[in-house]
Amino acid sequence: MKNFLMSLAIVSTLFISILSAQVFLSPSTVSAAVPDKCAKRILSFPVWYEYLEVDGNCEITGPTNGGEFDWPKAVGYVAIALVEIMLRIAGLVAVGFVIYGGFRFIVSQGEPENAKAARETIINAIIGLIITIVAAAVVNFVAKAIAG
């Protein structure tokens, strides 16, 4: 009975992790300056130019400062987009570790040391997933506030 309850807890944890990863990895709204045809995504990751201004031909036109392209500002926007991409990858890795911990728990066959190590892997992965979700949300919020 105890093993059944632990297996049920692990399966429900995996299910919650997968659902949270789907919410976490859902496409965020792209800046209004990016036309729809230019808003390409790969596995729902944002494009590197997400916060830059793009014209109808998918060419980067801004940010501008007095009519000239503002390189320092553009580098900052690209860096923010890259950080957001890396946080999403970290979220995927955390979900992978939850699955790995569940697999380790299943194959531990009731050995207390292996089961404890598997539980710790799952708990640490869930903590990491929560941290990456919060960090990605903060980065996305700040980037949209800065990019306007």
C-alpha atoms as a PDB file:
ATOM      1  CA  MET A   1       0.000   0.000   0.000  1.00  0.00           C
ATOM      2  CA  LYS A   2       2.836   2.365   0.884  1.00  0.00           C
ATOM      3  CA  ASN A   3       4.549   1.773  -2.483  1.00  0.00           C
ATOM      4  CA  PHE A   4       1.256   2.338  -4.289  1.00  0.00           C
ATOM      5  CA  LEU A   5       0.765   5.689  -2.536  1.00  0.00           C
ATOM      6  CA  MET A   6       4.319   6.750  -3.328  1.00  0.00           C
ATOM      7  CA  SER A   7       3.873   5.732  -6.974  1.00  0.00           C
ATOM      8  CA  LEU A   8       0.615   7.675  -7.101  1.00  0.00           C
ATOM      9  CA  ALA A   9       2.359  10.712  -5.603  1.00  0.00           C
ATOM     10  CA  ILE A  10       5.140  10.495  -8.192  1.00  0.00           C
ATOM     11  CA  VAL A  11       2.747  10.101 -11.098  1.00  0.00           C
ATOM     12  CA  SER A  12       0.684  13.082  -9.906  1.00  0.00           C
ATOM     13  CA  THR A  13       3.888  15.095  -9.458  1.00  0.00           C
ATOM     14  CA  LEU A  14       4.952  14.239 -13.003  1.00  0.00           C
ATOM     15  CA  PHE A  15       1.516  15.205 -14.306  1.00  0.00           C
ATOM     16  CA  ILE A  16       1.621  18.545 -12.482  1.00  0.00           C
ATOM     17  CA  SER A  17       5.161  19.157 -13.722  1.00  0.00           C
ATOM     18  CA  ILE A  18       4.187  18.484 -17.307  1.00  0.00           C
ATOM     19  CA  LEU A  19       1.147  20.746 -17.035  1.00  0.00           C
ATOM     20  CA  SER A  20       3.190  23.540 -15.496  1.00  0.00           C
ATOM     21  CA  ALA A  21       5.813  23.113 -18.209  1.00  0.00           C
ATOM     22  CA  GLN A  22       3.133  23.457 -20.870  1.00  0.00           C
ATOM     23  CA  VAL A  23       1.913  26.686 -19.268  1.00  0.00           C
ATOM     24  CA  PHE A  24       5.515  27.809 -18.864  1.00  0.00           C
ATOM     25  CA  LEU A  25       6.374  27.019 -22.453  1.00  0.00           C
ATOM     26  CA  SER A  26       3.225  28.421 -24.016  1.00  0.00           C
ATOM     27  CA  PRO A  27       3.955  31.118 -26.555  1.00  0.00           C
ATOM     28  CA  SER A  28       4.113  34.517 -24.948  1.00  0.00           C
ATOM     29  CA  THR A  29       2.617  37.421 -26.749  1.00  0.00           C
ATOM     30  CA  VAL A  30       5.159  38.913 -29.088  1.00  0.00           C
ATOM     31  CA  SER A  31       5.731  42.640 -29.047  1.00  0.00           C
ATOM     32  CA  ALA A  32       3.151  44.590 -31.074  1.00  0.00           C
ATOM     33  CA  ALA A  33       5.999  45.914 -33.236  1.00  0.00           C
ATOM     34  CA  VAL A  34       6.697  42.431 -34.646  1.00  0.00           C
ATOM     35  CA  PRO A  35       4.426  41.511 -37.595  1.00  0.00           C
ATOM     36  CA  ASP A  36       2.768  38.079 -37.439  1.00  0.00           C
ATOM     37  CA  LYS A  37       4.792  36.630 -40.313  1.00  0.00           C
ATOM     38  CA  CYS A  38       8.033  37.543 -38.524  1.00  0.00           C
ATOM     39  CA  ALA A  39       7.064  36.043 -35.175  1.00  0.00           C
ATOM     40  CA  LYS A  40       8.570  32.611 -35.804  1.00  0.00           C
ATOM     41  CA  ARG A  41       8.990  30.293 -32.843  1.00  0.00           C
ATOM     42  CA  ILE A  42      10.817  27.019 -32.445  1.00  0.00           C
ATOM     43  CA  LEU A  43       9.199  24.777 -29.841  1.00  0.00           C
ATOM     44  CA  SER A  44       7.494  27.911 -28.475  1.00  0.00           C
ATOM     45  CA  PHE A  45      10.810  29.559 -27.619  1.00  0.00           C
ATOM     46  CA  PRO A  46      10.858  33.302 -28.296  1.00  0.00           C
ATOM     47  CA  VAL A  47      12.880  34.608 -31.195  1.00  0.00           C
ATOM     48  CA  TRP A  48      16.125  36.397 -30.362  1.00  0.00           C
ATOM     49  CA  TYR A  49      14.783  39.664 -31.810  1.00  0.00           C
ATOM     50  CA  GLU A  50      11.498  39.520 -29.878  1.00  0.00           C
ATOM     51  CA  TYR A  51      11.931  42.916 -28.218  1.00  0.00           C
ATOM     52  CA  LEU A  52      13.421  44.721 -31.224  1.00  0.00           C
ATOM     53  CA  GLU A  53      11.341  46.733 -33.690  1.00  0.00           C
ATOM     54  CA  VAL A  54      10.721  44.879 -36.963  1.00  0.00           C
ATOM     55  CA  ASP A  55       9.189  46.248 -40.187  1.00  0.00           C
ATOM     56  CA  GLY A  56       6.790  44.478 -42.570  1.00  0.00           C
ATOM     57  CA  ASN A  57       9.696  42.814 -44.423  1.00  0.00           C
ATOM     58  CA  CYS A  58      10.989  41.198 -41.206  1.00  0.00           C
ATOM     59  CA  GLU A  59      13.990  43.530 -41.106  1.00  0.00           C
ATOM     60  CA  ILE A  60      15.096  44.899 -37.774  1.00  0.00           C
ATOM     61  CA  THR A  61      14.556  48.676 -37.738  1.00  0.00           C
ATOM     62  CA  GLY A  62      14.953  49.686 -34.138  1.00  0.00           C
ATOM     63  CA  PRO A  63      15.350  50.767 -31.466  1.00  0.00           C
ATOM     64  CA  THR A  64      16.423  54.122 -32.784  1.00  0.00           C
ATOM     65  CA  ASN A  65      17.983  57.124 -31.119  1.00  0.00           C
ATOM     66  CA  GLY A  66      17.643  60.327 -33.099  1.00  0.00           C
ATOM     67  CA  GLY A  67      17.049  58.471 -36.370  1.00  0.00           C
ATOM     68  CA  GLU A  68      20.058  56.146 -35.977  1.00  0.00           C
ATOM     69  CA  PHE A  69      20.040  52.551 -34.821  1.00  0.00           C
ATOM     70  CA  ASP A  70      20.728  52.419 -31.064  1.00  0.00           C
ATOM     71  CA  TRP A  71      23.176  49.499 -30.723  1.00  0.00           C
ATOM     72  CA  PRO A  72      23.583  49.506 -26.901  1.00  0.00           C
ATOM     73  CA  LYS A  73      19.824  49.354 -26.421  1.00  0.00           C
ATOM     74  CA  ALA A  74      19.470  46.645 -29.099  1.00  0.00           C
ATOM     75  CA  VAL A  75      22.156  44.500 -27.453  1.00  0.00           C
ATOM     76  CA  GLY A  76      20.279  44.772 -24.159  1.00  0.00           C
ATOM     77  CA  TYR A  77      17.025  43.642 -25.769  1.00  0.00           C
ATOM     78  CA  VAL A  78      18.719  40.686 -27.464  1.00  0.00           C
ATOM     79  CA  ALA A  79      20.392  39.733 -24.167  1.00  0.00           C
ATOM     80  CA  ILE A  80      17.009  39.778 -22.409  1.00  0.00           C
ATOM     81  CA  ALA A  81      15.524  37.523 -25.104  1.00  0.00           C
ATOM     82  CA  LEU A  82      18.473  35.117 -24.805  1.00  0.00           C
ATOM     83  CA  VAL A  83      18.077  34.980 -21.011  1.00  0.00           C
ATOM     84  CA  GLU A  84      14.399  34.178 -21.495  1.00  0.00           C
ATOM     85  CA  ILE A  85      15.301  31.380 -23.914  1.00  0.00           C
ATOM     86  CA  MET A  86      17.847  29.942 -21.457  1.00  0.00           C
ATOM     87  CA  LEU A  87      15.304  30.040 -18.616  1.00  0.00           C
ATOM     88  CA  ARG A  88      12.834  28.093 -20.739  1.00  0.00           C
ATOM     89  CA  ILE A  89      15.523  25.505 -21.484  1.00  0.00           C
ATOM     90  CA  ALA A  90      16.249  25.281 -17.751  1.00  0.00           C
ATOM     91  CA  GLY A  91      12.546  24.605 -17.184  1.00  0.00           C
ATOM     92  CA  LEU A  92      12.661  21.739 -19.660  1.00  0.00           C
ATOM     93  CA  VAL A  93      15.722  20.322 -17.913  1.00  0.00           C
ATOM     94  CA  ALA A  94      13.895  20.534 -14.565  1.00  0.00           C
ATOM     95  CA  VAL A  95      10.937  18.596 -15.980  1.00  0.00           C
ATOM     96  CA  GLY A  96      13.402  16.026 -17.303  1.00  0.00           C
ATOM     97  CA  PHE A  97      14.880  15.640 -13.829  1.00  0.00           C
ATOM     98  CA  VAL A  98      11.421  15.118 -12.333  1.00  0.00           C
ATOM     99  CA  ILE A  99      10.862  12.312 -14.820  1.00  0.00           C
ATOM    100  CA  TYR A 100      14.333  10.905 -14.099  1.00  0.00           C
ATOM    101  CA  GLY A 101      13.668  10.990 -10.342  1.00  0.00           C
ATOM    102  CA  GLY A 102      10.361   9.206 -10.855  1.00  0.00           C
ATOM    103  CA  PHE A 103      12.084   6.544 -12.907  1.00  0.00           C
ATOM    104  CA  ARG A 104      14.748   6.123 -10.210  1.00  0.00           C
ATOM    105  CA  PHE A 105      12.031   5.800  -7.577  1.00  0.00           C
ATOM    106  CA  ILE A 106      10.240   3.116  -9.546  1.00  0.00           C
ATOM    107  CA  VAL A 107      13.395   1.048 -10.084  1.00  0.00           C
ATOM    108  CA  SER A 108      14.546   1.457  -6.468  1.00  0.00           C
ATOM    109  CA  GLN A 109      12.328  -1.538  -5.589  1.00  0.00           C
ATOM    110  CA  GLY A 110      11.746  -0.356  -2.054  1.00  0.00           C
ATOM    111  CA  GLU A 111      15.399   0.097  -1.085  1.00  0.00           C
ATOM    112  CA  PRO A 112      15.294   2.996   1.375  1.00  0.00           C
ATOM    113  CA  GLU A 113      18.517   4.680   0.264  1.00  0.00           C
ATOM    114  CA  ASN A 114      17.656   4.639  -3.435  1.00  0.00           C
ATOM    115  CA  ALA A 115      14.065   5.715  -2.773  1.00  0.00           C
ATOM    116  CA  LYS A 116      15.274   8.607  -0.620  1.00  0.00           C
ATOM    117  CA  ALA A 117      17.741   9.730  -3.298  1.00  0.00           C
ATOM    118  CA  ALA A 118      14.994   9.567  -5.926  1.00  0.00           C
ATOM    119  CA  ARG A 119      12.628  11.626  -3.741  1.00  0.00           C
ATOM    120  CA  GLU A 120      15.345  14.224  -3.220  1.00  0.00           C
ATOM    121  CA  THR A 121      15.894  14.398  -6.991  1.00  0.00           C
ATOM    122  CA  ILE A 122      12.184  14.977  -7.561  1.00  0.00           C
ATOM    123  CA  ILE A 123      11.925  17.615  -4.834  1.00  0.00           C
ATOM    124  CA  ASN A 124      15.001  19.477  -6.063  1.00  0.00           C
ATOM    125  CA  ALA A 125      13.748  19.348  -9.649  1.00  0.00           C
ATOM    126  CA  ILE A 126      10.358  20.747  -8.647  1.00  0.00           C
ATOM    127  CA  ILE A 127      12.066  23.551  -6.712  1.00  0.00           C
ATOM    128  CA  GLY A 128      14.191  24.288  -9.773  1.00  0.00           C
ATOM    129  CA  LEU A 129      11.113  24.277 -11.998  1.00  0.00           C
ATOM    130  CA  ILE A 130       9.337  26.751  -9.737  1.00  0.00           C
ATOM    131  CA  ILE A 131      12.397  29.012  -9.677  1.00  0.00           C
ATOM    132  CA  THR A 132      12.704  28.972 -13.474  1.00  0.00           C
ATOM    133  CA  ILE A 133       8.988  29.673 -13.954  1.00  0.00           C
ATOM    134  CA  VAL A 134       9.129  32.662 -11.613  1.00  0.00           C
ATOM    135  CA  ALA A 135      12.390  33.925 -13.121  1.00  0.00           C
ATOM    136  CA  ALA A 136      11.051  33.620 -16.684  1.00  0.00           C
ATOM    137  CA  ALA A 137       7.886  35.470 -15.713  1.00  0.00           C
ATOM    138  CA  VAL A 138       9.903  38.267 -14.104  1.00  0.00           C
ATOM    139  CA  VAL A 139      12.253  38.553 -17.096  1.00  0.00           C
ATOM    140  CA  ASN A 140       9.294  38.595 -19.494  1.00  0.00           C
ATOM    141  CA  PHE A 141       7.492  41.263 -17.443  1.00  0.00           C
ATOM    142  CA  VAL A 142      10.574  43.476 -17.139  1.00  0.00           C
ATOM    143  CA  ALA A 143      11.440  43.092 -20.824  1.00  0.00           C
ATOM    144  CA  LYS A 144       7.936  44.038 -21.943  1.00  0.00           C
ATOM    145  CA  ALA A 145       7.957  47.022 -19.572  1.00  0.00           C
ATOM    146  CA  ILE A 146      11.313  48.217 -20.886  1.00  0.00           C
ATOM    147  CA  ALA A 147      10.552  47.550 -24.562  1.00  0.00           C
ATOM    148  CA  GLY A 148       7.163  49.245 -24.276  1.00  0.00           C
END
